Structure formats: structure tokens, C-alpha cells
Amino acid sequence: MIRVAVAADFDRMREIEDLSGEAFRDVGMPEIANDPAPSAAELAGFAAAGRAWVGEYDGGVVGYLVAEVVGGCAHIAQVSVDPVVRGRGLGRALIDHLEAWARDHDLAALTLTTFRDVPWNAPYYERIGFRVIEPTPALQVVVDREAWLGPERRVCMRREL
């Protein structure tokens, strides 16, 4: 089940971010694994704007997605799933939920920025309908904000609605 995130979910969302980030150690990116989860205040901002959702499984929160509106598109700021339930389609369900939200808000597409060569990043998103694009001016602002991640390792992606 996917539902709107509430303040009571923020600690679990932060925990999921930390747990899912650990996989980056296995691909030689410890700096990503060490990156702190979004603060409760940051998550509260997404929730207050109506752009934060959690996925539940077996009665508990096991994944989340937060989004922005960037250049007339619903932009996935972060989507993370607890490794315990990875591979069960929750990430895709969260993204599909965002697509429905984007349609309801007359947005043109879904966008995201991600790592080019990490198997559960760009290759995964390509499998679920995203394609690599050159950054639009609005996406370039996001790319610039994420410069510490290594722009040469990153790509912008888009999925039409």
C-alpha cells in the first residue's frame, strides 16, 4: 500500500535511506553510503507540499519517495526501499504512484538524476521506461546542486506520461 507520508514516518524514512545507502559501499562509493539521510525538516517540507509518500508492506513502512516540481515535471528527489524487501516492485510502485500524481497535476513527465553505471540506478530506470536526456535548464539547477556527487558519473533521465 502507498500512502501520503506523515511526520510519524520521518524517522523510519531516514532509517530506510541509511539502510539502502549501504549498497553503495559494495560498488566503491562509500561517500554516498556516508551521506546523511534527509533531515526531518527536509522531509517535512516535502510532506507539507504534498510530495512525500511511503510504501507499506506487512504493516510497516519499507520505502519512500519524495518529489519536487522541476521544469513542469514531477522530479524524483529521492526514492529508497529497505533492502529487506528490495526486488518486490515497491520502488516501481512508488514511481508509478508519482506518475498518477503528476498526471493529476498536469505535469509533462517524470524526471530524475542518478548514477550512470550503478546497476540499481540508471540501468534500472531504463528498464521501467526512463531514457537518458541532456539536462534542461531547470534540470541543470538540480545537477549543479548535486555537483558533489560527481557530474561525470551522473545522468538526467525522463519518463513521459
N, C-alpha and C. Protein backbone atom coordinates (compact mmCIF):
# COMPACT_ATOMS: atom_id res chain seq x y z
N MET A 1 0.84 -1.18 0.00
CA MET A 1 0.00 0.00 0.00
C MET A 1 0.89 1.25 0.00
N ILE A 2 0.51 2.22 -0.78
CA ILE A 2 1.22 3.50 -0.83
C ILE A 2 0.29 4.56 -0.26
N ARG A 3 0.85 5.39 0.59
CA ARG A 3 0.06 6.46 1.22
C ARG A 3 0.94 7.70 1.39
N VAL A 4 0.30 8.80 1.70
CA VAL A 4 0.99 10.06 1.96
C VAL A 4 1.83 9.89 3.24
N ALA A 5 3.04 10.41 3.21
CA ALA A 5 3.91 10.37 4.39
C ALA A 5 3.45 11.39 5.41
N VAL A 6 3.58 11.02 6.68
CA VAL A 6 3.26 11.91 7.79
C VAL A 6 4.47 12.00 8.71
N ALA A 7 4.45 12.96 9.61
CA ALA A 7 5.60 13.21 10.49
C ALA A 7 6.03 11.95 11.24
N ALA A 8 5.09 11.11 11.62
CA ALA A 8 5.43 9.87 12.34
C ALA A 8 6.27 8.92 11.50
N ASP A 9 6.32 9.12 10.18
CA ASP A 9 7.10 8.27 9.28
C ASP A 9 8.55 8.73 9.11
N PHE A 10 8.86 9.95 9.50
CA PHE A 10 10.14 10.55 9.13
C PHE A 10 11.34 9.76 9.66
N ASP A 11 11.28 9.31 10.90
CA ASP A 11 12.42 8.55 11.43
C ASP A 11 12.63 7.27 10.63
N ARG A 12 11.54 6.59 10.30
CA ARG A 12 11.67 5.35 9.51
C ARG A 12 12.17 5.66 8.10
N MET A 13 11.72 6.74 7.50
CA MET A 13 12.20 7.13 6.17
C MET A 13 13.71 7.37 6.20
N ARG A 14 14.17 8.04 7.23
CA ARG A 14 15.60 8.31 7.38
C ARG A 14 16.37 7.00 7.57
N GLU A 15 15.79 6.08 8.32
CA GLU A 15 16.43 4.77 8.53
C GLU A 15 16.52 4.00 7.21
N ILE A 16 15.46 4.03 6.43
CA ILE A 16 15.46 3.36 5.12
C ILE A 16 16.53 3.95 4.23
N GLU A 17 16.67 5.26 4.25
CA GLU A 17 17.71 5.91 3.43
C GLU A 17 19.09 5.40 3.83
N ASP A 18 19.35 5.32 5.12
CA ASP A 18 20.65 4.83 5.60
C ASP A 18 20.85 3.36 5.20
N LEU A 19 19.84 2.54 5.37
CA LEU A 19 19.96 1.12 5.03
C LEU A 19 20.19 0.92 3.54
N SER A 20 19.42 1.61 2.72
CA SER A 20 19.55 1.43 1.28
C SER A 20 20.87 2.00 0.76
N GLY A 21 21.37 3.04 1.42
CA GLY A 21 22.63 3.64 1.01
C GLY A 21 23.83 2.74 1.21
N GLU A 22 23.74 1.78 2.10
CA GLU A 22 24.85 0.88 2.38
C GLU A 22 25.32 0.12 1.14
N ALA A 23 24.41 -0.13 0.20
CA ALA A 23 24.77 -0.86 -1.02
C ALA A 23 25.85 -0.13 -1.83
N PHE A 24 25.96 1.17 -1.65
CA PHE A 24 26.97 1.92 -2.40
C PHE A 24 28.39 1.56 -1.97
N ARG A 25 28.55 1.05 -0.78
CA ARG A 25 29.88 0.59 -0.35
C ARG A 25 30.37 -0.54 -1.26
N ASP A 26 29.46 -1.40 -1.67
CA ASP A 26 29.81 -2.56 -2.49
C ASP A 26 30.26 -2.19 -3.89
N VAL A 27 29.96 -0.96 -4.33
CA VAL A 27 30.37 -0.53 -5.67
C VAL A 27 31.42 0.57 -5.59
N GLY A 28 32.11 0.63 -4.45
CA GLY A 28 33.22 1.57 -4.31
C GLY A 28 32.81 3.02 -4.16
N MET A 29 31.64 3.28 -3.59
CA MET A 29 31.17 4.65 -3.41
C MET A 29 30.80 4.89 -1.94
N PRO A 30 31.78 4.76 -1.03
CA PRO A 30 31.47 4.93 0.39
C PRO A 30 30.98 6.33 0.73
N GLU A 31 31.38 7.32 -0.05
CA GLU A 31 30.94 8.69 0.24
C GLU A 31 29.42 8.82 0.08
N ILE A 32 28.84 8.02 -0.80
CA ILE A 32 27.38 8.04 -0.97
C ILE A 32 26.73 7.33 0.21
N ALA A 33 27.30 6.21 0.61
CA ALA A 33 26.78 5.48 1.77
C ALA A 33 26.85 6.34 3.03
N ASN A 34 27.87 7.18 3.12
CA ASN A 34 28.06 8.02 4.30
C ASN A 34 27.24 9.31 4.27
N ASP A 35 26.64 9.62 3.13
CA ASP A 35 25.85 10.84 3.01
C ASP A 35 24.65 10.77 3.96
N PRO A 36 24.46 11.77 4.80
CA PRO A 36 23.35 11.69 5.75
C PRO A 36 21.99 11.67 5.05
N ALA A 37 21.08 10.97 5.67
CA ALA A 37 19.69 10.93 5.18
C ALA A 37 19.10 12.33 5.26
N PRO A 38 18.04 12.59 4.48
CA PRO A 38 17.38 13.89 4.60
C PRO A 38 16.94 14.13 6.04
N SER A 39 17.03 15.35 6.47
CA SER A 39 16.61 15.68 7.84
C SER A 39 15.09 15.59 7.95
N ALA A 40 14.63 15.53 9.18
CA ALA A 40 13.18 15.55 9.41
C ALA A 40 12.58 16.84 8.86
N ALA A 41 13.30 17.93 8.96
CA ALA A 41 12.80 19.21 8.44
C ALA A 41 12.67 19.16 6.92
N GLU A 42 13.66 18.55 6.25
CA GLU A 42 13.57 18.42 4.78
C GLU A 42 12.39 17.54 4.40
N LEU A 43 12.23 16.42 5.09
CA LEU A 43 11.09 15.54 4.80
C LEU A 43 9.78 16.25 5.09
N ALA A 44 9.74 17.04 6.14
CA ALA A 44 8.53 17.80 6.47
C ALA A 44 8.18 18.78 5.35
N GLY A 45 9.20 19.37 4.73
CA GLY A 45 8.93 20.27 3.61
C GLY A 45 8.28 19.56 2.43
N PHE A 46 8.79 18.37 2.11
CA PHE A 46 8.16 17.59 1.03
C PHE A 46 6.73 17.21 1.41
N ALA A 47 6.54 16.77 2.65
CA ALA A 47 5.21 16.36 3.10
C ALA A 47 4.24 17.53 3.09
N ALA A 48 4.69 18.70 3.57
CA ALA A 48 3.82 19.88 3.60
C ALA A 48 3.40 20.29 2.19
N ALA A 49 4.27 20.05 1.22
CA ALA A 49 3.96 20.38 -0.18
C ALA A 49 3.13 19.29 -0.85
N GLY A 50 2.85 18.20 -0.12
CA GLY A 50 2.05 17.11 -0.70
C GLY A 50 2.84 16.23 -1.65
N ARG A 51 4.17 16.16 -1.47
CA ARG A 51 5.00 15.40 -2.40
C ARG A 51 5.91 14.40 -1.67
N ALA A 52 5.32 13.69 -0.71
CA ALA A 52 6.06 12.65 0.02
C ALA A 52 5.11 11.47 0.25
N TRP A 53 5.58 10.28 -0.13
CA TRP A 53 4.77 9.07 0.00
C TRP A 53 5.61 7.95 0.60
N VAL A 54 4.95 7.05 1.28
CA VAL A 54 5.61 5.86 1.80
C VAL A 54 4.91 4.62 1.26
N GLY A 55 5.68 3.55 1.17
CA GLY A 55 5.14 2.26 0.81
C GLY A 55 5.16 1.38 2.04
N GLU A 56 4.05 0.71 2.27
CA GLU A 56 3.96 -0.20 3.41
C GLU A 56 3.91 -1.64 2.92
N TYR A 57 4.48 -2.51 3.72
CA TYR A 57 4.43 -3.94 3.45
C TYR A 57 4.33 -4.64 4.79
N ASP A 58 3.38 -5.52 4.90
CA ASP A 58 3.21 -6.30 6.13
C ASP A 58 3.10 -5.39 7.35
N GLY A 59 2.40 -4.26 7.19
CA GLY A 59 2.12 -3.37 8.30
C GLY A 59 3.18 -2.35 8.65
N GLY A 60 4.30 -2.32 7.93
CA GLY A 60 5.34 -1.35 8.25
C GLY A 60 5.80 -0.58 7.03
N VAL A 61 6.37 0.58 7.26
CA VAL A 61 6.91 1.41 6.18
C VAL A 61 8.22 0.78 5.72
N VAL A 62 8.32 0.50 4.42
CA VAL A 62 9.52 -0.15 3.87
C VAL A 62 10.12 0.60 2.68
N GLY A 63 9.52 1.71 2.31
CA GLY A 63 10.06 2.51 1.22
C GLY A 63 9.42 3.88 1.20
N TYR A 64 10.09 4.79 0.47
CA TYR A 64 9.51 6.13 0.37
C TYR A 64 9.98 6.80 -0.91
N LEU A 65 9.22 7.82 -1.30
CA LEU A 65 9.57 8.66 -2.44
C LEU A 65 9.21 10.09 -2.09
N VAL A 66 10.12 11.01 -2.38
CA VAL A 66 9.84 12.44 -2.25
C VAL A 66 10.12 13.08 -3.61
N ALA A 67 9.30 14.07 -3.95
CA ALA A 67 9.39 14.67 -5.28
C ALA A 67 9.32 16.18 -5.21
N GLU A 68 9.85 16.78 -6.27
CA GLU A 68 9.78 18.21 -6.49
C GLU A 68 9.08 18.43 -7.83
N VAL A 69 8.71 19.64 -8.11
CA VAL A 69 8.28 20.01 -9.45
C VAL A 69 9.41 20.81 -10.05
N VAL A 70 9.98 20.29 -11.13
CA VAL A 70 11.14 20.90 -11.78
C VAL A 70 10.83 21.04 -13.27
N GLY A 71 10.78 22.26 -13.75
CA GLY A 71 10.56 22.49 -15.17
C GLY A 71 9.28 21.87 -15.70
N GLY A 72 8.22 21.93 -14.94
CA GLY A 72 6.94 21.38 -15.38
C GLY A 72 6.84 19.88 -15.32
N CYS A 73 7.78 19.24 -14.62
CA CYS A 73 7.79 17.77 -14.49
C CYS A 73 7.83 17.39 -13.01
N ALA A 74 7.33 16.21 -12.71
CA ALA A 74 7.48 15.66 -11.36
C ALA A 74 8.88 15.06 -11.29
N HIS A 75 9.71 15.62 -10.45
CA HIS A 75 11.10 15.20 -10.34
C HIS A 75 11.30 14.37 -9.09
N ILE A 76 11.81 13.16 -9.25
CA ILE A 76 12.07 12.28 -8.13
C ILE A 76 13.32 12.79 -7.41
N ALA A 77 13.11 13.37 -6.24
CA ALA A 77 14.25 13.85 -5.46
C ALA A 77 14.93 12.68 -4.78
N GLN A 78 14.14 11.70 -4.33
CA GLN A 78 14.70 10.50 -3.71
C GLN A 78 13.65 9.41 -3.69
N VAL A 79 14.07 8.21 -4.01
CA VAL A 79 13.23 7.03 -3.82
C VAL A 79 14.14 5.97 -3.22
N SER A 80 13.73 5.41 -2.10
CA SER A 80 14.54 4.41 -1.40
C SER A 80 13.64 3.32 -0.85
N VAL A 81 14.18 2.10 -0.88
CA VAL A 81 13.46 0.93 -0.39
C VAL A 81 14.36 0.17 0.56
N ASP A 82 13.80 -0.30 1.65
CA ASP A 82 14.54 -1.11 2.61
C ASP A 82 15.07 -2.36 1.88
N PRO A 83 16.37 -2.64 2.00
CA PRO A 83 16.94 -3.80 1.31
C PRO A 83 16.23 -5.12 1.62
N VAL A 84 15.57 -5.21 2.75
CA VAL A 84 14.87 -6.44 3.11
C VAL A 84 13.77 -6.77 2.11
N VAL A 85 13.18 -5.76 1.49
CA VAL A 85 12.09 -6.01 0.54
C VAL A 85 12.46 -5.62 -0.89
N ARG A 86 13.72 -5.33 -1.13
CA ARG A 86 14.15 -4.96 -2.47
C ARG A 86 13.82 -6.09 -3.45
N GLY A 87 13.44 -5.72 -4.65
CA GLY A 87 13.13 -6.71 -5.69
C GLY A 87 11.68 -7.13 -5.72
N ARG A 88 10.86 -6.55 -4.89
CA ARG A 88 9.44 -6.92 -4.86
C ARG A 88 8.54 -5.91 -5.57
N GLY A 89 9.14 -4.93 -6.23
CA GLY A 89 8.37 -3.98 -7.02
C GLY A 89 7.91 -2.74 -6.29
N LEU A 90 8.36 -2.53 -5.07
CA LEU A 90 7.89 -1.37 -4.32
C LEU A 90 8.42 -0.06 -4.91
N GLY A 91 9.69 -0.04 -5.31
CA GLY A 91 10.23 1.18 -5.92
C GLY A 91 9.44 1.56 -7.15
N ARG A 92 9.17 0.59 -7.99
CA ARG A 92 8.38 0.87 -9.20
C ARG A 92 6.97 1.31 -8.84
N ALA A 93 6.38 0.70 -7.83
CA ALA A 93 5.03 1.11 -7.42
C ALA A 93 5.02 2.56 -6.92
N LEU A 94 6.05 2.94 -6.19
CA LEU A 94 6.14 4.33 -5.74
C LEU A 94 6.28 5.28 -6.93
N ILE A 95 7.09 4.90 -7.91
CA ILE A 95 7.27 5.72 -9.10
C ILE A 95 5.98 5.79 -9.91
N ASP A 96 5.29 4.67 -10.04
CA ASP A 96 4.00 4.68 -10.75
C ASP A 96 2.98 5.54 -10.01
N HIS A 97 3.03 5.54 -8.69
CA HIS A 97 2.15 6.40 -7.91
C HIS A 97 2.45 7.87 -8.20
N LEU A 98 3.73 8.20 -8.27
CA LEU A 98 4.11 9.57 -8.61
C LEU A 98 3.61 9.92 -10.02
N GLU A 99 3.67 8.97 -10.93
CA GLU A 99 3.17 9.24 -12.29
C GLU A 99 1.69 9.62 -12.24
N ALA A 100 0.91 8.89 -11.48
CA ALA A 100 -0.52 9.22 -11.36
C ALA A 100 -0.71 10.61 -10.76
N TRP A 101 0.10 10.91 -9.74
CA TRP A 101 0.04 12.24 -9.13
C TRP A 101 0.40 13.31 -10.17
N ALA A 102 1.44 13.06 -10.95
CA ALA A 102 1.88 14.02 -11.97
C ALA A 102 0.78 14.25 -13.01
N ARG A 103 0.12 13.19 -13.42
CA ARG A 103 -1.00 13.33 -14.37
C ARG A 103 -2.10 14.22 -13.77
N ASP A 104 -2.43 13.95 -12.51
CA ASP A 104 -3.47 14.74 -11.83
C ASP A 104 -3.09 16.20 -11.71
N HIS A 105 -1.80 16.49 -11.75
CA HIS A 105 -1.32 17.87 -11.62
C HIS A 105 -0.85 18.45 -12.96
N ASP A 106 -1.26 17.81 -14.05
CA ASP A 106 -0.98 18.29 -15.41
C ASP A 106 0.50 18.53 -15.67
N LEU A 107 1.34 17.65 -15.16
CA LEU A 107 2.78 17.75 -15.41
C LEU A 107 3.12 16.90 -16.64
N ALA A 108 4.22 17.22 -17.28
CA ALA A 108 4.55 16.63 -18.57
C ALA A 108 5.21 15.26 -18.49
N ALA A 109 5.98 15.02 -17.43
CA ALA A 109 6.79 13.80 -17.38
C ALA A 109 7.32 13.61 -15.97
N LEU A 110 8.01 12.50 -15.78
CA LEU A 110 8.79 12.27 -14.56
C LEU A 110 10.25 12.47 -14.93
N THR A 111 11.01 13.08 -14.05
CA THR A 111 12.45 13.22 -14.27
C THR A 111 13.18 12.79 -13.01
N LEU A 112 14.47 12.56 -13.19
CA LEU A 112 15.35 12.24 -12.06
C LEU A 112 16.78 12.42 -12.51
N THR A 113 17.67 12.48 -11.54
CA THR A 113 19.10 12.41 -11.80
C THR A 113 19.60 11.21 -11.02
N THR A 114 20.57 10.50 -11.60
CA THR A 114 21.02 9.26 -10.98
C THR A 114 22.41 8.90 -11.45
N PHE A 115 22.95 7.85 -10.86
CA PHE A 115 24.28 7.38 -11.26
C PHE A 115 24.18 6.56 -12.53
N ARG A 116 25.05 6.88 -13.47
CA ARG A 116 25.07 6.27 -14.79
C ARG A 116 25.31 4.76 -14.74
N ASP A 117 26.29 4.32 -13.96
CA ASP A 117 26.75 2.93 -14.04
C ASP A 117 26.42 2.07 -12.83
N VAL A 118 25.64 2.54 -11.90
CA VAL A 118 25.25 1.73 -10.75
C VAL A 118 24.03 0.90 -11.17
N PRO A 119 24.10 -0.43 -11.06
CA PRO A 119 23.04 -1.30 -11.60
C PRO A 119 21.62 -0.97 -11.15
N TRP A 120 21.46 -0.54 -9.91
CA TRP A 120 20.11 -0.24 -9.43
C TRP A 120 19.76 1.23 -9.65
N ASN A 121 20.54 1.93 -10.42
CA ASN A 121 20.24 3.33 -10.76
C ASN A 121 19.87 3.40 -12.25
N ALA A 122 20.66 4.07 -13.10
CA ALA A 122 20.25 4.29 -14.49
C ALA A 122 19.79 3.02 -15.21
N PRO A 123 20.51 1.90 -15.13
CA PRO A 123 20.02 0.70 -15.84
C PRO A 123 18.63 0.27 -15.37
N TYR A 124 18.38 0.36 -14.08
CA TYR A 124 17.04 0.02 -13.56
C TYR A 124 15.99 0.97 -14.12
N TYR A 125 16.27 2.27 -14.05
CA TYR A 125 15.29 3.24 -14.52
C TYR A 125 15.01 3.09 -16.02
N GLU A 126 16.01 2.72 -16.79
CA GLU A 126 15.78 2.46 -18.22
C GLU A 126 14.80 1.30 -18.39
N ARG A 127 14.93 0.27 -17.56
CA ARG A 127 14.03 -0.87 -17.66
C ARG A 127 12.59 -0.51 -17.35
N ILE A 128 12.36 0.55 -16.58
CA ILE A 128 10.99 0.93 -16.26
C ILE A 128 10.53 2.18 -17.01
N GLY A 129 11.17 2.45 -18.15
CA GLY A 129 10.65 3.44 -19.07
C GLY A 129 11.30 4.81 -19.09
N PHE A 130 12.34 5.02 -18.32
CA PHE A 130 13.06 6.29 -18.38
C PHE A 130 14.10 6.23 -19.49
N ARG A 131 14.43 7.40 -20.02
CA ARG A 131 15.51 7.48 -21.01
C ARG A 131 16.45 8.61 -20.60
N VAL A 132 17.71 8.45 -20.95
CA VAL A 132 18.72 9.47 -20.64
C VAL A 132 18.47 10.68 -21.53
N ILE A 133 18.54 11.85 -20.93
CA ILE A 133 18.36 13.11 -21.66
C ILE A 133 19.47 14.08 -21.27
N GLU A 134 19.65 15.07 -22.09
CA GLU A 134 20.51 16.20 -21.72
C GLU A 134 19.74 17.05 -20.72
N PRO A 135 20.42 17.65 -19.76
CA PRO A 135 19.69 18.45 -18.78
C PRO A 135 19.03 19.67 -19.41
N THR A 136 17.78 19.86 -19.08
CA THR A 136 17.09 21.10 -19.44
C THR A 136 17.64 22.19 -18.53
N PRO A 137 17.35 23.45 -18.81
CA PRO A 137 17.81 24.50 -17.89
C PRO A 137 17.34 24.26 -16.45
N ALA A 138 16.10 23.82 -16.28
CA ALA A 138 15.60 23.56 -14.93
C ALA A 138 16.33 22.38 -14.29
N LEU A 139 16.57 21.33 -15.04
CA LEU A 139 17.31 20.18 -14.50
C LEU A 139 18.77 20.53 -14.23
N GLN A 140 19.32 21.45 -14.99
CA GLN A 140 20.71 21.85 -14.75
C GLN A 140 20.88 22.43 -13.35
N VAL A 141 19.85 23.10 -12.85
CA VAL A 141 19.90 23.62 -11.48
C VAL A 141 20.05 22.47 -10.50
N VAL A 142 19.32 21.37 -10.73
CA VAL A 142 19.43 20.18 -9.88
C VAL A 142 20.83 19.58 -10.01
N VAL A 143 21.31 19.44 -11.24
CA VAL A 143 22.64 18.88 -11.48
C VAL A 143 23.70 19.72 -10.74
N ASP A 144 23.58 21.02 -10.82
CA ASP A 144 24.54 21.90 -10.14
C ASP A 144 24.47 21.73 -8.62
N ARG A 145 23.26 21.57 -8.10
CA ARG A 145 23.08 21.37 -6.66
C ARG A 145 23.70 20.03 -6.21
N GLU A 146 23.74 19.06 -7.12
CA GLU A 146 24.28 17.74 -6.81
C GLU A 146 25.72 17.56 -7.29
N ALA A 147 26.41 18.64 -7.58
CA ALA A 147 27.76 18.57 -8.16
C ALA A 147 28.72 17.73 -7.32
N TRP A 148 28.55 17.73 -6.02
CA TRP A 148 29.44 16.96 -5.15
C TRP A 148 29.38 15.46 -5.44
N LEU A 149 28.32 15.00 -6.12
CA LEU A 149 28.18 13.58 -6.44
C LEU A 149 29.04 13.15 -7.63
N GLY A 150 29.62 14.12 -8.31
CA GLY A 150 30.46 13.81 -9.47
C GLY A 150 29.66 13.84 -10.75
N PRO A 151 29.55 15.01 -11.37
CA PRO A 151 28.70 15.15 -12.57
C PRO A 151 29.05 14.17 -13.68
N GLU A 152 30.30 13.76 -13.76
CA GLU A 152 30.69 12.81 -14.81
C GLU A 152 30.09 11.42 -14.59
N ARG A 153 29.64 11.15 -13.37
CA ARG A 153 29.04 9.85 -13.03
C ARG A 153 27.52 9.88 -13.11
N ARG A 154 26.95 11.05 -13.35
CA ARG A 154 25.51 11.24 -13.25
C ARG A 154 24.86 11.41 -14.61
N VAL A 155 23.57 11.09 -14.67
CA VAL A 155 22.76 11.34 -15.86
C VAL A 155 21.40 11.89 -15.43
N CYS A 156 20.79 12.62 -16.34
CA CYS A 156 19.40 13.06 -16.18
C CYS A 156 18.56 12.07 -16.97
N MET A 157 17.39 11.76 -16.44
CA MET A 157 16.51 10.81 -17.10
C MET A 157 15.08 11.34 -17.07
N ARG A 158 14.27 10.87 -18.03
CA ARG A 158 12.89 11.34 -18.17
C ARG A 158 12.02 10.18 -18.59
N ARG A 159 10.82 10.14 -18.04
CA ARG A 159 9.79 9.17 -18.46
C ARG A 159 8.54 9.96 -18.79
N GLU A 160 8.14 9.86 -20.03
CA GLU A 160 6.94 10.58 -20.49
C GLU A 160 5.71 10.01 -19.82
N LEU A 161 4.71 10.86 -19.67
CA LEU A 161 3.44 10.40 -19.09
C LEU A 161 2.52 9.92 -20.18
